Amino acid sequence: MSKEIKWSKIADSETELGFQANNMCVIEVDGKKITIGQFEQMLFGFAHKCPHASGIMAEGFINAVGNVVCPLHRYAFNIKNGRNTTGEGYFLKTYPIEKREDGIYVGVEKSTFFNFF
């Protein structure tokens, strides 16, 4: 069973996203905050808060191997798939990003009544 994705345009270009010195920024799509990270000329979308203690992920950093590191307890997550890489067993929600001719889009699962079951 596949999940339906709603694609939302978030910028015309990467320069519009306003990346901080740590190569991350926060956007809002349909009332949901999402962190966008830039690593090796690619964009990645992931949760605004760490699943462990709700640290703001955009206040952390992306390490040399492409893990986003939470600023609170240094838990690290693979920027591509959200898997915890420091062994604590948590999972960081990720969002697909697409660069298209007319801009940059993020995909968010559509909310339906049946998502709760």
N, C-alpha and C. Protein backbone atom coordinates (compact mmCIF):
# COMPACT_ATOMS: atom_id res chain seq x y z
N MET A 1 0.85 -1.18 0.00
CA MET A 1 0.00 0.00 0.00
C MET A 1 0.89 1.24 0.00
N SER A 2 0.72 2.10 -1.00
CA SER A 2 1.55 3.30 -1.08
C SER A 2 0.81 4.48 -0.45
N LYS A 3 1.60 5.41 0.05
CA LYS A 3 1.04 6.59 0.68
C LYS A 3 0.99 7.71 -0.35
N GLU A 4 -0.06 8.49 -0.29
CA GLU A 4 -0.21 9.60 -1.22
C GLU A 4 0.59 10.79 -0.73
N ILE A 5 1.37 11.36 -1.63
CA ILE A 5 2.24 12.49 -1.31
C ILE A 5 1.69 13.76 -1.94
N LYS A 6 1.66 14.84 -1.16
CA LYS A 6 1.31 16.15 -1.68
C LYS A 6 2.60 16.93 -1.84
N TRP A 7 2.86 17.41 -3.05
CA TRP A 7 4.08 18.18 -3.33
C TRP A 7 3.78 19.66 -3.22
N SER A 8 4.60 20.37 -2.47
CA SER A 8 4.44 21.82 -2.29
C SER A 8 5.72 22.53 -2.70
N LYS A 9 5.57 23.58 -3.47
CA LYS A 9 6.72 24.38 -3.87
C LYS A 9 7.17 25.21 -2.67
N ILE A 10 8.48 25.15 -2.36
CA ILE A 10 8.99 25.88 -1.20
C ILE A 10 9.91 27.04 -1.60
N ALA A 11 10.39 27.04 -2.83
CA ALA A 11 11.28 28.12 -3.29
C ALA A 11 11.49 28.00 -4.79
N ASP A 12 11.86 29.13 -5.39
CA ASP A 12 12.23 29.11 -6.81
C ASP A 12 13.65 28.57 -7.00
N SER A 13 14.51 28.83 -5.99
CA SER A 13 15.90 28.36 -6.06
C SER A 13 16.43 28.14 -4.65
N GLU A 14 17.57 27.50 -4.54
CA GLU A 14 18.19 27.22 -3.23
C GLU A 14 18.54 28.51 -2.49
N THR A 15 18.92 29.55 -3.22
CA THR A 15 19.31 30.79 -2.56
C THR A 15 18.14 31.42 -1.79
N GLU A 16 16.92 31.15 -2.21
CA GLU A 16 15.74 31.68 -1.52
C GLU A 16 15.49 31.00 -0.18
N LEU A 17 16.06 29.83 0.03
CA LEU A 17 15.78 29.08 1.26
C LEU A 17 16.44 29.69 2.49
N GLY A 18 17.48 30.47 2.31
CA GLY A 18 18.11 31.15 3.44
C GLY A 18 18.83 30.22 4.40
N PHE A 19 19.69 29.39 3.86
CA PHE A 19 20.45 28.46 4.70
C PHE A 19 21.33 29.20 5.70
N GLN A 20 21.39 28.66 6.91
CA GLN A 20 22.27 29.17 7.96
C GLN A 20 23.69 28.68 7.67
N ALA A 21 24.65 29.09 8.46
CA ALA A 21 26.05 28.67 8.29
C ALA A 21 26.20 27.16 8.41
N ASN A 22 25.28 26.49 9.11
CA ASN A 22 25.35 25.03 9.28
C ASN A 22 24.65 24.27 8.14
N ASN A 23 24.32 24.97 7.06
CA ASN A 23 23.67 24.39 5.88
C ASN A 23 22.28 23.83 6.16
N MET A 24 21.57 24.45 7.08
CA MET A 24 20.19 24.06 7.36
C MET A 24 19.30 25.28 7.45
N CYS A 25 18.01 25.07 7.20
CA CYS A 25 17.00 26.10 7.36
C CYS A 25 15.68 25.43 7.72
N VAL A 26 14.73 26.22 8.15
CA VAL A 26 13.41 25.70 8.50
C VAL A 26 12.39 26.34 7.58
N ILE A 27 11.50 25.51 7.03
CA ILE A 27 10.41 26.00 6.20
C ILE A 27 9.10 25.55 6.85
N GLU A 28 7.99 26.10 6.38
CA GLU A 28 6.70 25.67 6.87
C GLU A 28 5.82 25.32 5.68
N VAL A 29 5.23 24.12 5.73
CA VAL A 29 4.35 23.64 4.68
C VAL A 29 3.06 23.17 5.33
N ASP A 30 1.96 23.77 4.95
CA ASP A 30 0.64 23.40 5.50
C ASP A 30 0.66 23.36 7.03
N GLY A 31 1.30 24.34 7.65
CA GLY A 31 1.33 24.42 9.10
C GLY A 31 2.34 23.50 9.77
N LYS A 32 3.13 22.78 8.98
CA LYS A 32 4.12 21.84 9.52
C LYS A 32 5.53 22.39 9.28
N LYS A 33 6.33 22.48 10.35
CA LYS A 33 7.72 22.92 10.20
C LYS A 33 8.58 21.74 9.78
N ILE A 34 9.42 21.99 8.78
CA ILE A 34 10.32 20.97 8.23
C ILE A 34 11.70 21.59 8.12
N THR A 35 12.72 20.83 8.50
CA THR A 35 14.10 21.28 8.35
C THR A 35 14.61 20.82 6.99
N ILE A 36 15.27 21.72 6.29
CA ILE A 36 15.92 21.39 5.02
C ILE A 36 17.42 21.46 5.25
N GLY A 37 18.12 20.39 4.88
CA GLY A 37 19.56 20.35 5.01
C GLY A 37 20.21 20.24 3.64
N GLN A 38 21.38 20.85 3.50
CA GLN A 38 22.13 20.81 2.25
C GLN A 38 23.43 20.07 2.52
N PHE A 39 23.64 18.98 1.75
CA PHE A 39 24.84 18.17 1.93
C PHE A 39 25.28 17.65 0.57
N GLU A 40 26.53 17.88 0.21
CA GLU A 40 27.10 17.44 -1.08
C GLU A 40 26.22 17.85 -2.26
N GLN A 41 25.86 19.12 -2.31
CA GLN A 41 25.06 19.72 -3.38
C GLN A 41 23.66 19.11 -3.52
N MET A 42 23.19 18.43 -2.50
CA MET A 42 21.84 17.86 -2.53
C MET A 42 21.04 18.41 -1.35
N LEU A 43 19.71 18.40 -1.50
CA LEU A 43 18.83 18.87 -0.45
C LEU A 43 18.09 17.69 0.18
N PHE A 44 17.90 17.77 1.49
CA PHE A 44 17.22 16.72 2.24
C PHE A 44 16.23 17.36 3.20
N GLY A 45 15.07 16.76 3.34
CA GLY A 45 14.06 17.25 4.26
C GLY A 45 13.88 16.28 5.42
N PHE A 46 13.76 16.82 6.63
CA PHE A 46 13.56 15.97 7.80
C PHE A 46 12.85 16.75 8.89
N ALA A 47 12.47 16.04 9.94
CA ALA A 47 11.67 16.62 11.02
C ALA A 47 12.32 17.85 11.63
N HIS A 48 11.47 18.74 12.09
CA HIS A 48 11.91 19.98 12.74
C HIS A 48 12.52 19.68 14.11
N LYS A 49 11.97 18.67 14.81
CA LYS A 49 12.43 18.34 16.16
C LYS A 49 12.96 16.92 16.24
N CYS A 50 13.95 16.73 17.09
CA CYS A 50 14.53 15.41 17.33
C CYS A 50 13.48 14.52 18.00
N PRO A 51 13.39 13.25 17.61
CA PRO A 51 12.41 12.36 18.22
C PRO A 51 12.74 11.98 19.66
N HIS A 52 13.96 12.26 20.11
CA HIS A 52 14.34 11.91 21.48
C HIS A 52 13.85 12.93 22.50
N ALA A 53 14.31 14.17 22.40
CA ALA A 53 13.97 15.17 23.41
C ALA A 53 13.53 16.51 22.79
N SER A 54 13.08 16.45 21.54
CA SER A 54 12.54 17.62 20.83
C SER A 54 13.52 18.75 20.60
N GLY A 55 14.81 18.44 20.50
CA GLY A 55 15.79 19.46 20.12
C GLY A 55 15.49 19.96 18.72
N ILE A 56 15.73 21.23 18.47
CA ILE A 56 15.49 21.81 17.14
C ILE A 56 16.64 21.39 16.23
N MET A 57 16.33 20.55 15.26
CA MET A 57 17.38 19.96 14.41
C MET A 57 18.17 21.02 13.65
N ALA A 58 17.54 22.10 13.23
CA ALA A 58 18.24 23.15 12.48
C ALA A 58 19.27 23.89 13.33
N GLU A 59 19.26 23.66 14.64
CA GLU A 59 20.26 24.27 15.52
C GLU A 59 21.45 23.33 15.74
N GLY A 60 21.39 22.14 15.15
CA GLY A 60 22.48 21.19 15.23
C GLY A 60 23.44 21.39 14.07
N PHE A 61 23.94 20.27 13.54
CA PHE A 61 24.86 20.36 12.40
C PHE A 61 24.80 19.07 11.59
N ILE A 62 25.34 19.15 10.38
CA ILE A 62 25.48 17.98 9.51
C ILE A 62 26.95 17.59 9.54
N ASN A 63 27.24 16.35 9.96
CA ASN A 63 28.64 15.95 10.08
C ASN A 63 29.23 15.55 8.73
N ALA A 64 30.49 15.19 8.72
CA ALA A 64 31.24 14.92 7.48
C ALA A 64 30.72 13.74 6.68
N VAL A 65 30.00 12.81 7.32
CA VAL A 65 29.49 11.64 6.59
C VAL A 65 28.01 11.75 6.26
N GLY A 66 27.41 12.91 6.51
CA GLY A 66 26.02 13.14 6.12
C GLY A 66 24.99 12.76 7.16
N ASN A 67 25.36 12.84 8.41
CA ASN A 67 24.39 12.63 9.49
C ASN A 67 24.03 13.98 10.08
N VAL A 68 22.74 14.18 10.33
CA VAL A 68 22.32 15.40 11.00
C VAL A 68 22.35 15.11 12.50
N VAL A 69 22.97 16.01 13.25
CA VAL A 69 23.23 15.80 14.67
C VAL A 69 22.39 16.78 15.50
N CYS A 70 21.63 16.24 16.44
CA CYS A 70 20.78 17.05 17.32
C CYS A 70 21.66 17.88 18.26
N PRO A 71 21.28 19.15 18.49
CA PRO A 71 22.10 19.99 19.36
C PRO A 71 22.00 19.64 20.85
N LEU A 72 20.98 18.93 21.28
CA LEU A 72 20.81 18.66 22.71
C LEU A 72 21.71 17.55 23.23
N HIS A 73 21.59 16.36 22.64
CA HIS A 73 22.32 15.20 23.16
C HIS A 73 23.24 14.56 22.14
N ARG A 74 23.39 15.19 20.99
CA ARG A 74 24.28 14.74 19.92
C ARG A 74 23.85 13.40 19.30
N TYR A 75 22.57 13.08 19.37
CA TYR A 75 22.08 11.91 18.65
C TYR A 75 22.19 12.23 17.16
N ALA A 76 22.64 11.27 16.37
CA ALA A 76 22.85 11.50 14.94
C ALA A 76 21.92 10.63 14.11
N PHE A 77 21.48 11.17 12.98
CA PHE A 77 20.54 10.49 12.09
C PHE A 77 21.02 10.62 10.65
N ASN A 78 20.90 9.54 9.89
CA ASN A 78 21.25 9.56 8.48
C ASN A 78 20.33 10.56 7.78
N ILE A 79 20.92 11.51 7.09
CA ILE A 79 20.15 12.59 6.46
C ILE A 79 19.28 12.08 5.31
N LYS A 80 19.60 10.92 4.76
CA LYS A 80 18.86 10.37 3.63
C LYS A 80 17.64 9.56 4.05
N ASN A 81 17.76 8.79 5.13
CA ASN A 81 16.66 7.89 5.49
C ASN A 81 16.16 8.03 6.93
N GLY A 82 16.78 8.88 7.74
CA GLY A 82 16.34 9.12 9.10
C GLY A 82 16.76 8.11 10.14
N ARG A 83 17.52 7.10 9.74
CA ARG A 83 17.94 6.08 10.70
C ARG A 83 18.95 6.65 11.69
N ASN A 84 18.76 6.27 12.94
CA ASN A 84 19.65 6.69 14.01
C ASN A 84 21.00 5.99 13.82
N THR A 85 22.09 6.76 13.83
CA THR A 85 23.42 6.18 13.57
C THR A 85 24.30 6.13 14.82
N THR A 86 23.78 6.60 15.95
CA THR A 86 24.57 6.58 17.18
C THR A 86 24.06 5.53 18.17
N GLY A 87 23.13 4.68 17.72
CA GLY A 87 22.74 3.51 18.50
C GLY A 87 21.61 3.63 19.48
N GLU A 88 20.92 4.75 19.53
CA GLU A 88 19.85 4.90 20.52
C GLU A 88 18.52 4.31 20.07
N GLY A 89 18.38 4.02 18.78
CA GLY A 89 17.17 3.36 18.28
C GLY A 89 16.04 4.27 17.83
N TYR A 90 16.25 5.57 17.79
CA TYR A 90 15.21 6.49 17.34
C TYR A 90 15.22 6.59 15.82
N PHE A 91 14.18 7.18 15.27
CA PHE A 91 14.05 7.37 13.83
C PHE A 91 13.58 8.79 13.58
N LEU A 92 14.28 9.51 12.70
CA LEU A 92 13.93 10.88 12.34
C LEU A 92 13.10 10.86 11.07
N LYS A 93 11.92 11.45 11.10
CA LYS A 93 11.05 11.52 9.93
C LYS A 93 11.75 12.29 8.82
N THR A 94 11.69 11.75 7.61
CA THR A 94 12.28 12.42 6.45
C THR A 94 11.20 12.77 5.44
N TYR A 95 11.51 13.75 4.59
CA TYR A 95 10.58 14.21 3.56
C TYR A 95 11.34 14.29 2.24
N PRO A 96 10.75 13.80 1.14
CA PRO A 96 11.43 13.89 -0.15
C PRO A 96 11.49 15.33 -0.66
N ILE A 97 12.59 15.66 -1.30
CA ILE A 97 12.80 16.98 -1.91
C ILE A 97 13.06 16.76 -3.40
N GLU A 98 12.44 17.57 -4.22
CA GLU A 98 12.69 17.50 -5.67
C GLU A 98 13.06 18.88 -6.19
N LYS A 99 14.13 18.92 -6.99
CA LYS A 99 14.48 20.14 -7.71
C LYS A 99 13.87 19.99 -9.10
N ARG A 100 12.99 20.92 -9.45
CA ARG A 100 12.33 20.89 -10.75
C ARG A 100 12.70 22.16 -11.51
N GLU A 101 12.34 22.19 -12.78
CA GLU A 101 12.67 23.37 -13.60
C GLU A 101 12.12 24.66 -13.00
N ASP A 102 10.93 24.57 -12.39
CA ASP A 102 10.28 25.78 -11.88
C ASP A 102 10.52 26.01 -10.40
N GLY A 103 11.35 25.19 -9.75
CA GLY A 103 11.62 25.43 -8.34
C GLY A 103 11.90 24.18 -7.53
N ILE A 104 11.85 24.34 -6.21
CA ILE A 104 12.15 23.27 -5.27
C ILE A 104 10.86 22.88 -4.55
N TYR A 105 10.62 21.58 -4.47
CA TYR A 105 9.39 21.06 -3.88
C TYR A 105 9.71 20.09 -2.76
N VAL A 106 8.82 20.05 -1.76
CA VAL A 106 8.91 19.06 -0.69
C VAL A 106 7.63 18.23 -0.73
N GLY A 107 7.78 16.94 -0.47
CA GLY A 107 6.64 16.04 -0.45
C GLY A 107 6.24 15.70 0.97
N VAL A 108 4.95 15.86 1.27
CA VAL A 108 4.42 15.56 2.60
C VAL A 108 3.25 14.61 2.41
N GLU A 109 3.20 13.56 3.23
CA GLU A 109 2.09 12.61 3.14
C GLU A 109 0.79 13.34 3.41
N LYS A 110 -0.20 13.05 2.57
CA LYS A 110 -1.52 13.64 2.77
C LYS A 110 -2.15 13.04 4.02
N SER A 111 -2.76 13.89 4.80
CA SER A 111 -3.46 13.43 6.01
C SER A 111 -4.87 13.02 5.65
N THR A 112 -5.22 11.80 6.07
CA THR A 112 -6.59 11.32 5.89
C THR A 112 -7.02 10.63 7.16
N PHE A 113 -8.28 10.39 7.27
CA PHE A 113 -8.83 9.70 8.43
C PHE A 113 -8.14 8.34 8.61
N PHE A 114 -7.84 7.67 7.51
CA PHE A 114 -7.29 6.32 7.56
C PHE A 114 -5.82 6.28 7.96
N ASN A 115 -5.13 7.42 8.01
CA ASN A 115 -3.73 7.45 8.47
C ASN A 115 -3.61 7.07 9.93
N PHE A 116 -4.70 7.13 10.67
CA PHE A 116 -4.67 6.86 12.11
C PHE A 116 -4.79 5.38 12.43
N PHE A 117 -5.00 4.54 11.43
CA PHE A 117 -5.18 3.09 11.68
C PHE A 117 -4.04 2.30 11.12
